[in-house]
Amino acid sequence: MPRFTPCGWTASMALIAAAALPLASCTNTGTAHRAPTQEASMKSGVGPMLEEIYASRKPVRFEQLDVSDIVRRHFPAGTDKATVIDAFADSSTSKVVEDTADKLVVRDNHGQAMLDPDARSVVITFHLDADGKVSGIEALHLKNQ
């Protein structure tokens, strides 16, 4: 039966650590490749607007905060529907959930409910006139439950 001596035990642990190190770096490499992509999408298009919204006061429980003023600064009245859709197309966290002739609803999710204690969403409703231009905006910042 093999006997472990302090020197042998240390050598065994060093060998195990050296073998596990490349595996750990593989998982970090995958994370490093995904992170800049999400960050890059936040810097372009609607990124600055979403950063401003998520940096503002956080909703608590079922509270819904009106952030329409922030969205209106980035999308003034008269903006084309196509321009709005193109701006959100670059964001990996945003999704058009309703697209009709008189209304466009976009939802942006920041984190996942149940997995992230700070999971929040922004739901933006763009009201459109007969020419397909923004005539009104309603935007809510809410906490995912």
N, C-alpha and C. Protein backbone atom coordinates (compact mmCIF):
# COMPACT_ATOMS: atom_id res chain seq x y z
N MET A 1 0.85 -1.17 0.00
CA MET A 1 0.00 0.00 0.00
C MET A 1 0.89 1.24 0.00
N PRO A 2 0.60 2.21 -0.88
CA PRO A 2 1.47 3.40 -0.96
C PRO A 2 1.31 4.27 0.27
N ARG A 3 2.40 4.87 0.64
CA ARG A 3 2.42 5.73 1.80
C ARG A 3 2.66 7.16 1.35
N PHE A 4 1.82 8.09 1.84
CA PHE A 4 1.98 9.49 1.47
C PHE A 4 2.86 10.19 2.47
N THR A 5 3.90 10.76 1.97
CA THR A 5 4.78 11.55 2.82
C THR A 5 4.50 13.01 2.52
N PRO A 6 4.85 13.93 3.40
CA PRO A 6 4.58 15.34 3.13
C PRO A 6 5.16 15.80 1.79
N CYS A 7 6.34 15.33 1.44
CA CYS A 7 6.94 15.74 0.17
C CYS A 7 6.15 15.15 -1.00
N GLY A 8 5.74 13.90 -0.88
CA GLY A 8 4.96 13.26 -1.94
C GLY A 8 3.58 13.90 -2.10
N TRP A 9 2.95 14.25 -0.98
CA TRP A 9 1.63 14.89 -0.99
C TRP A 9 1.71 16.25 -1.68
N THR A 10 2.71 17.02 -1.39
CA THR A 10 2.90 18.33 -2.01
C THR A 10 3.12 18.18 -3.50
N ALA A 11 3.92 17.21 -3.88
CA ALA A 11 4.19 16.99 -5.30
C ALA A 11 2.92 16.55 -6.02
N SER A 12 2.12 15.71 -5.38
CA SER A 12 0.86 15.26 -5.99
C SER A 12 -0.10 16.43 -6.19
N MET A 13 -0.22 17.29 -5.19
CA MET A 13 -1.11 18.45 -5.30
C MET A 13 -0.63 19.40 -6.38
N ALA A 14 0.67 19.59 -6.48
CA ALA A 14 1.23 20.47 -7.51
C ALA A 14 0.94 19.91 -8.90
N LEU A 15 1.04 18.60 -9.04
CA LEU A 15 0.77 17.96 -10.32
C LEU A 15 -0.71 18.09 -10.70
N ILE A 16 -1.61 17.91 -9.74
CA ILE A 16 -3.05 18.05 -10.00
C ILE A 16 -3.38 19.49 -10.37
N ALA A 17 -2.80 20.44 -9.65
CA ALA A 17 -3.05 21.86 -9.94
C ALA A 17 -2.55 22.23 -11.33
N ALA A 18 -1.39 21.71 -11.69
CA ALA A 18 -0.83 22.00 -13.02
C ALA A 18 -1.70 21.40 -14.12
N ALA A 19 -2.29 20.24 -13.86
CA ALA A 19 -3.16 19.60 -14.86
C ALA A 19 -4.49 20.34 -15.00
N ALA A 20 -5.00 20.91 -13.92
CA ALA A 20 -6.30 21.59 -13.95
C ALA A 20 -6.19 23.01 -14.49
N LEU A 21 -5.03 23.61 -14.45
CA LEU A 21 -4.85 25.00 -14.88
C LEU A 21 -5.25 25.23 -16.33
N PRO A 22 -4.84 24.40 -17.28
CA PRO A 22 -5.27 24.64 -18.67
C PRO A 22 -6.78 24.53 -18.84
N LEU A 23 -7.44 23.67 -18.08
CA LEU A 23 -8.89 23.55 -18.18
C LEU A 23 -9.58 24.81 -17.69
N ALA A 24 -9.09 25.39 -16.63
CA ALA A 24 -9.67 26.61 -16.10
C ALA A 24 -9.49 27.76 -17.09
N SER A 25 -8.35 27.81 -17.75
CA SER A 25 -8.13 28.90 -18.70
C SER A 25 -9.02 28.75 -19.92
N CYS A 26 -9.42 27.53 -20.28
CA CYS A 26 -10.34 27.33 -21.41
C CYS A 26 -11.70 27.93 -21.10
N THR A 27 -12.20 27.74 -19.89
CA THR A 27 -13.51 28.29 -19.57
C THR A 27 -13.45 29.81 -19.49
N ASN A 28 -12.37 30.36 -19.01
CA ASN A 28 -12.24 31.82 -18.97
C ASN A 28 -12.11 32.40 -20.37
N THR A 29 -11.50 31.67 -21.27
CA THR A 29 -11.35 32.16 -22.63
C THR A 29 -12.71 32.33 -23.29
N GLY A 30 -13.61 31.39 -23.10
CA GLY A 30 -14.95 31.50 -23.67
C GLY A 30 -15.70 32.70 -23.13
N THR A 31 -15.58 32.95 -21.84
CA THR A 31 -16.23 34.09 -21.22
C THR A 31 -15.64 35.38 -21.76
N ALA A 32 -14.35 35.42 -21.93
CA ALA A 32 -13.70 36.63 -22.42
C ALA A 32 -14.14 36.96 -23.83
N HIS A 33 -14.44 35.93 -24.64
CA HIS A 33 -14.88 36.20 -26.01
C HIS A 33 -16.32 36.71 -26.05
N ARG A 34 -17.16 36.30 -25.11
CA ARG A 34 -18.55 36.75 -25.10
C ARG A 34 -18.70 38.14 -24.52
N ALA A 35 -17.95 38.48 -23.52
CA ALA A 35 -18.13 39.75 -22.83
C ALA A 35 -17.95 40.96 -23.73
N PRO A 36 -16.90 41.05 -24.55
CA PRO A 36 -16.77 42.23 -25.39
C PRO A 36 -17.92 42.37 -26.40
N THR A 37 -18.51 41.27 -26.83
CA THR A 37 -19.60 41.36 -27.79
C THR A 37 -20.79 42.09 -27.19
N GLN A 38 -21.17 41.73 -25.96
CA GLN A 38 -22.28 42.41 -25.32
C GLN A 38 -21.91 43.85 -25.02
N GLU A 39 -20.69 44.09 -24.59
CA GLU A 39 -20.25 45.44 -24.31
C GLU A 39 -20.23 46.28 -25.58
N ALA A 40 -19.80 45.69 -26.68
CA ALA A 40 -19.76 46.42 -27.95
C ALA A 40 -21.17 46.80 -28.39
N SER A 41 -22.14 45.90 -28.18
CA SER A 41 -23.50 46.23 -28.58
C SER A 41 -24.07 47.33 -27.70
N MET A 42 -23.62 47.43 -26.46
CA MET A 42 -24.10 48.49 -25.59
C MET A 42 -23.51 49.84 -25.98
N LYS A 43 -22.34 49.86 -26.60
CA LYS A 43 -21.71 51.12 -26.97
C LYS A 43 -22.29 51.69 -28.26
N SER A 44 -22.88 50.83 -29.10
CA SER A 44 -23.42 51.31 -30.36
C SER A 44 -24.94 51.35 -30.29
N GLY A 45 -25.56 52.07 -31.18
CA GLY A 45 -27.02 52.11 -31.26
C GLY A 45 -27.65 52.69 -30.02
N VAL A 46 -28.46 51.89 -29.35
CA VAL A 46 -29.21 52.34 -28.18
C VAL A 46 -28.45 52.14 -26.88
N GLY A 47 -27.21 51.69 -26.97
CA GLY A 47 -26.41 51.42 -25.78
C GLY A 47 -26.34 52.56 -24.79
N PRO A 48 -25.97 53.77 -25.22
CA PRO A 48 -25.89 54.87 -24.25
C PRO A 48 -27.23 55.16 -23.57
N MET A 49 -28.33 55.05 -24.31
CA MET A 49 -29.65 55.28 -23.72
C MET A 49 -29.96 54.21 -22.66
N LEU A 50 -29.70 52.93 -22.99
CA LEU A 50 -29.96 51.86 -22.04
C LEU A 50 -29.06 51.97 -20.82
N GLU A 51 -27.80 52.35 -21.02
CA GLU A 51 -26.90 52.54 -19.88
C GLU A 51 -27.42 53.62 -18.96
N GLU A 52 -27.94 54.70 -19.54
CA GLU A 52 -28.49 55.79 -18.73
C GLU A 52 -29.72 55.32 -17.94
N ILE A 53 -30.56 54.53 -18.57
CA ILE A 53 -31.76 54.02 -17.89
C ILE A 53 -31.36 53.07 -16.75
N TYR A 54 -30.46 52.13 -17.03
CA TYR A 54 -30.07 51.16 -16.00
C TYR A 54 -29.23 51.80 -14.89
N ALA A 55 -28.62 52.94 -15.16
CA ALA A 55 -27.86 53.65 -14.13
C ALA A 55 -28.76 54.53 -13.27
N SER A 56 -29.99 54.77 -13.73
CA SER A 56 -30.92 55.59 -12.96
C SER A 56 -31.47 54.78 -11.78
N ARG A 57 -32.40 55.36 -11.08
CA ARG A 57 -32.99 54.70 -9.91
C ARG A 57 -33.57 53.34 -10.28
N LYS A 58 -33.31 52.35 -9.42
CA LYS A 58 -33.77 50.98 -9.68
C LYS A 58 -35.18 50.79 -9.14
N PRO A 59 -36.03 50.09 -9.91
CA PRO A 59 -37.36 49.78 -9.40
C PRO A 59 -37.28 48.74 -8.28
N VAL A 60 -38.18 48.85 -7.32
CA VAL A 60 -38.23 47.93 -6.19
C VAL A 60 -39.51 47.11 -6.28
N ARG A 61 -39.38 45.81 -6.12
CA ARG A 61 -40.50 44.86 -6.18
C ARG A 61 -41.29 45.02 -7.47
N PHE A 62 -42.56 45.40 -7.39
CA PHE A 62 -43.41 45.50 -8.58
C PHE A 62 -43.53 46.94 -9.09
N GLU A 63 -42.66 47.79 -8.62
CA GLU A 63 -42.67 49.20 -9.04
C GLU A 63 -42.29 49.32 -10.52
N GLN A 64 -42.95 50.23 -11.21
CA GLN A 64 -42.64 50.53 -12.61
C GLN A 64 -42.28 52.00 -12.70
N LEU A 65 -41.05 52.28 -13.13
CA LEU A 65 -40.59 53.66 -13.22
C LEU A 65 -40.76 54.18 -14.64
N ASP A 66 -41.27 55.39 -14.75
CA ASP A 66 -41.44 56.02 -16.06
C ASP A 66 -40.10 56.62 -16.50
N VAL A 67 -39.55 56.10 -17.60
CA VAL A 67 -38.28 56.60 -18.14
C VAL A 67 -38.48 57.15 -19.55
N SER A 68 -39.70 57.59 -19.83
CA SER A 68 -40.04 58.10 -21.16
C SER A 68 -39.19 59.30 -21.55
N ASP A 69 -38.88 60.17 -20.59
CA ASP A 69 -38.08 61.36 -20.89
C ASP A 69 -36.70 60.99 -21.44
N ILE A 70 -36.08 59.97 -20.87
CA ILE A 70 -34.76 59.53 -21.34
C ILE A 70 -34.87 59.03 -22.78
N VAL A 71 -35.89 58.24 -23.07
CA VAL A 71 -36.05 57.68 -24.42
C VAL A 71 -36.36 58.80 -25.42
N ARG A 72 -37.17 59.79 -25.02
CA ARG A 72 -37.51 60.90 -25.92
C ARG A 72 -36.28 61.71 -26.31
N ARG A 73 -35.30 61.79 -25.43
CA ARG A 73 -34.06 62.52 -25.78
C ARG A 73 -33.31 61.82 -26.90
N HIS A 74 -33.40 60.50 -26.95
CA HIS A 74 -32.68 59.72 -27.96
C HIS A 74 -33.51 59.48 -29.22
N PHE A 75 -34.83 59.48 -29.07
CA PHE A 75 -35.74 59.28 -30.21
C PHE A 75 -36.80 60.37 -30.18
N PRO A 76 -36.50 61.55 -30.74
CA PRO A 76 -37.48 62.64 -30.71
C PRO A 76 -38.69 62.34 -31.61
N ALA A 77 -39.76 63.08 -31.41
CA ALA A 77 -40.95 62.93 -32.25
C ALA A 77 -40.56 63.17 -33.70
N GLY A 78 -41.12 62.36 -34.59
CA GLY A 78 -40.81 62.48 -36.01
C GLY A 78 -39.76 61.50 -36.50
N THR A 79 -39.17 60.71 -35.60
CA THR A 79 -38.17 59.71 -36.00
C THR A 79 -38.87 58.59 -36.77
N ASP A 80 -38.27 58.15 -37.88
CA ASP A 80 -38.85 57.07 -38.69
C ASP A 80 -38.85 55.75 -37.92
N LYS A 81 -39.87 54.94 -38.18
CA LYS A 81 -39.98 53.61 -37.57
C LYS A 81 -38.77 52.75 -37.93
N ALA A 82 -38.31 52.82 -39.18
CA ALA A 82 -37.16 52.03 -39.62
C ALA A 82 -35.90 52.41 -38.85
N THR A 83 -35.75 53.69 -38.53
CA THR A 83 -34.59 54.15 -37.76
C THR A 83 -34.61 53.55 -36.36
N VAL A 84 -35.79 53.50 -35.76
CA VAL A 84 -35.94 52.93 -34.41
C VAL A 84 -35.60 51.44 -34.43
N ILE A 85 -36.14 50.72 -35.41
CA ILE A 85 -35.88 49.28 -35.51
C ILE A 85 -34.40 49.01 -35.74
N ASP A 86 -33.76 49.79 -36.62
CA ASP A 86 -32.32 49.62 -36.88
C ASP A 86 -31.48 49.89 -35.64
N ALA A 87 -31.88 50.88 -34.85
CA ALA A 87 -31.11 51.21 -33.64
C ALA A 87 -31.13 50.06 -32.64
N PHE A 88 -32.27 49.40 -32.50
CA PHE A 88 -32.38 48.28 -31.55
C PHE A 88 -31.84 46.97 -32.12
N ALA A 89 -31.67 46.89 -33.42
CA ALA A 89 -31.18 45.65 -34.05
C ALA A 89 -29.76 45.31 -33.60
N ASP A 90 -28.95 46.32 -33.28
CA ASP A 90 -27.56 46.09 -32.86
C ASP A 90 -27.44 45.60 -31.42
N SER A 91 -28.49 45.75 -30.63
CA SER A 91 -28.44 45.36 -29.22
C SER A 91 -28.82 43.90 -29.07
N SER A 92 -27.93 43.12 -28.45
CA SER A 92 -28.19 41.69 -28.26
C SER A 92 -29.22 41.43 -27.16
N THR A 93 -29.51 42.43 -26.33
CA THR A 93 -30.44 42.24 -25.23
C THR A 93 -31.84 42.76 -25.55
N SER A 94 -32.00 43.45 -26.68
CA SER A 94 -33.29 44.05 -27.04
C SER A 94 -34.02 43.20 -28.07
N LYS A 95 -35.36 43.27 -27.99
CA LYS A 95 -36.18 42.48 -28.91
C LYS A 95 -37.47 43.24 -29.20
N VAL A 96 -37.85 43.30 -30.48
CA VAL A 96 -39.13 43.89 -30.86
C VAL A 96 -40.20 42.85 -30.55
N VAL A 97 -41.14 43.20 -29.67
CA VAL A 97 -42.18 42.24 -29.27
C VAL A 97 -43.52 42.50 -29.95
N GLU A 98 -43.71 43.70 -30.48
CA GLU A 98 -44.93 44.01 -31.22
C GLU A 98 -44.60 45.04 -32.29
N ASP A 99 -45.03 44.76 -33.51
CA ASP A 99 -44.75 45.65 -34.64
C ASP A 99 -46.01 45.76 -35.49
N THR A 100 -46.78 46.85 -35.28
CA THR A 100 -47.98 47.10 -36.07
C THR A 100 -47.83 48.45 -36.77
N ALA A 101 -48.83 48.82 -37.55
CA ALA A 101 -48.76 50.08 -38.30
C ALA A 101 -48.75 51.30 -37.38
N ASP A 102 -49.42 51.20 -36.23
CA ASP A 102 -49.51 52.37 -35.34
C ASP A 102 -48.72 52.24 -34.04
N LYS A 103 -48.04 51.09 -33.85
CA LYS A 103 -47.32 50.89 -32.58
C LYS A 103 -46.14 49.96 -32.77
N LEU A 104 -45.04 50.27 -32.06
CA LEU A 104 -43.85 49.42 -32.03
C LEU A 104 -43.47 49.26 -30.56
N VAL A 105 -43.40 48.02 -30.08
CA VAL A 105 -43.05 47.76 -28.69
C VAL A 105 -41.73 47.00 -28.66
N VAL A 106 -40.77 47.55 -27.89
CA VAL A 106 -39.44 46.95 -27.76
C VAL A 106 -39.19 46.65 -26.29
N ARG A 107 -38.61 45.48 -26.02
CA ARG A 107 -38.26 45.10 -24.65
C ARG A 107 -36.77 44.82 -24.58
N ASP A 108 -36.12 45.39 -23.57
CA ASP A 108 -34.71 45.12 -23.33
C ASP A 108 -34.59 44.46 -21.97
N ASN A 109 -33.94 43.31 -21.92
CA ASN A 109 -33.76 42.58 -20.66
C ASN A 109 -32.32 42.71 -20.18
N HIS A 110 -32.18 43.10 -18.94
CA HIS A 110 -30.87 43.26 -18.30
C HIS A 110 -30.79 42.20 -17.21
N GLY A 111 -30.14 41.07 -17.50
CA GLY A 111 -30.08 39.97 -16.55
C GLY A 111 -31.29 39.06 -16.70
N GLN A 112 -31.25 37.90 -16.05
CA GLN A 112 -32.35 36.94 -16.12
C GLN A 112 -33.01 36.80 -14.76
N ALA A 113 -34.33 36.83 -14.76
CA ALA A 113 -35.06 36.64 -13.52
C ALA A 113 -34.72 35.26 -12.95
N MET A 114 -34.72 35.14 -11.67
CA MET A 114 -34.41 33.92 -10.92
C MET A 114 -32.90 33.64 -10.86
N LEU A 115 -32.14 34.08 -11.83
CA LEU A 115 -30.70 33.83 -11.82
C LEU A 115 -29.91 35.06 -11.38
N ASP A 116 -30.43 36.22 -11.67
CA ASP A 116 -29.73 37.47 -11.37
C ASP A 116 -30.59 38.27 -10.39
N PRO A 117 -30.08 38.59 -9.20
CA PRO A 117 -30.89 39.33 -8.24
C PRO A 117 -31.21 40.75 -8.70
N ASP A 118 -30.49 41.25 -9.69
CA ASP A 118 -30.70 42.61 -10.18
C ASP A 118 -31.28 42.60 -11.60
N ALA A 119 -32.05 41.58 -11.94
CA ALA A 119 -32.62 41.47 -13.29
C ALA A 119 -33.70 42.53 -13.47
N ARG A 120 -33.54 43.31 -14.54
CA ARG A 120 -34.49 44.39 -14.82
C ARG A 120 -34.79 44.43 -16.31
N SER A 121 -35.88 45.09 -16.66
CA SER A 121 -36.26 45.24 -18.06
C SER A 121 -36.72 46.65 -18.33
N VAL A 122 -36.63 47.03 -19.59
CA VAL A 122 -37.19 48.29 -20.06
C VAL A 122 -38.15 47.92 -21.19
N VAL A 123 -39.39 48.38 -21.07
CA VAL A 123 -40.39 48.16 -22.12
C VAL A 123 -40.73 49.53 -22.70
N ILE A 124 -40.49 49.68 -24.00
CA ILE A 124 -40.70 50.97 -24.67
C ILE A 124 -41.78 50.79 -25.73
N THR A 125 -42.81 51.63 -25.66
CA THR A 125 -43.87 51.63 -26.66
C THR A 125 -43.75 52.91 -27.47
N PHE A 126 -43.49 52.76 -28.76
CA PHE A 126 -43.42 53.88 -29.68
C PHE A 126 -44.77 53.96 -30.40
N HIS A 127 -45.50 55.07 -30.23
CA HIS A 127 -46.75 55.29 -30.95
C HIS A 127 -46.39 55.97 -32.26
N LEU A 128 -46.96 55.48 -33.36
CA LEU A 128 -46.60 55.96 -34.69
C LEU A 128 -47.80 56.64 -35.35
N ASP A 129 -47.50 57.68 -36.16
CA ASP A 129 -48.56 58.34 -36.92
C ASP A 129 -48.79 57.60 -38.24
N ALA A 130 -49.63 58.15 -39.10
CA ALA A 130 -49.98 57.49 -40.37
C ALA A 130 -48.77 57.37 -41.30
N ASP A 131 -47.77 58.24 -41.14
CA ASP A 131 -46.57 58.19 -41.98
C ASP A 131 -45.50 57.26 -41.43
N GLY A 132 -45.75 56.60 -40.30
CA GLY A 132 -44.78 55.69 -39.71
C GLY A 132 -43.69 56.41 -38.93
N LYS A 133 -44.01 57.59 -38.43
CA LYS A 133 -43.05 58.36 -37.63
C LYS A 133 -43.51 58.37 -36.17
N VAL A 134 -42.55 58.46 -35.26
CA VAL A 134 -42.85 58.44 -33.83
C VAL A 134 -43.66 59.68 -33.46
N SER A 135 -44.83 59.44 -32.84
CA SER A 135 -45.66 60.56 -32.38
C SER A 135 -45.75 60.61 -30.85
N GLY A 136 -45.42 59.51 -30.19
CA GLY A 136 -45.45 59.47 -28.74
C GLY A 136 -44.66 58.28 -28.23
N ILE A 137 -44.17 58.40 -26.98
CA ILE A 137 -43.35 57.33 -26.39
C ILE A 137 -43.79 57.10 -24.96
N GLU A 138 -43.93 55.82 -24.60
CA GLU A 138 -44.13 55.41 -23.21
C GLU A 138 -43.04 54.39 -22.90
N ALA A 139 -42.28 54.63 -21.85
CA ALA A 139 -41.19 53.71 -21.50
C ALA A 139 -41.23 53.43 -20.00
N LEU A 140 -41.16 52.15 -19.65
CA LEU A 140 -41.19 51.72 -18.26
C LEU A 140 -39.96 50.90 -17.92
N HIS A 141 -39.39 51.19 -16.77
CA HIS A 141 -38.25 50.44 -16.23
C HIS A 141 -38.81 49.61 -15.08
N LEU A 142 -38.69 48.28 -15.18
CA LEU A 142 -39.29 47.43 -14.17
C LEU A 142 -38.34 46.32 -13.75
N LYS A 143 -38.60 45.80 -12.56
CA LYS A 143 -37.78 44.71 -12.02
C LYS A 143 -38.42 43.39 -12.41
N ASN A 144 -37.60 42.47 -12.91
CA ASN A 144 -38.10 41.14 -13.26
C ASN A 144 -38.28 40.33 -11.99
N GLN A 145 -39.38 39.63 -11.89
CA GLN A 145 -39.68 38.82 -10.70
C GLN A 145 -39.45 37.37 -11.00
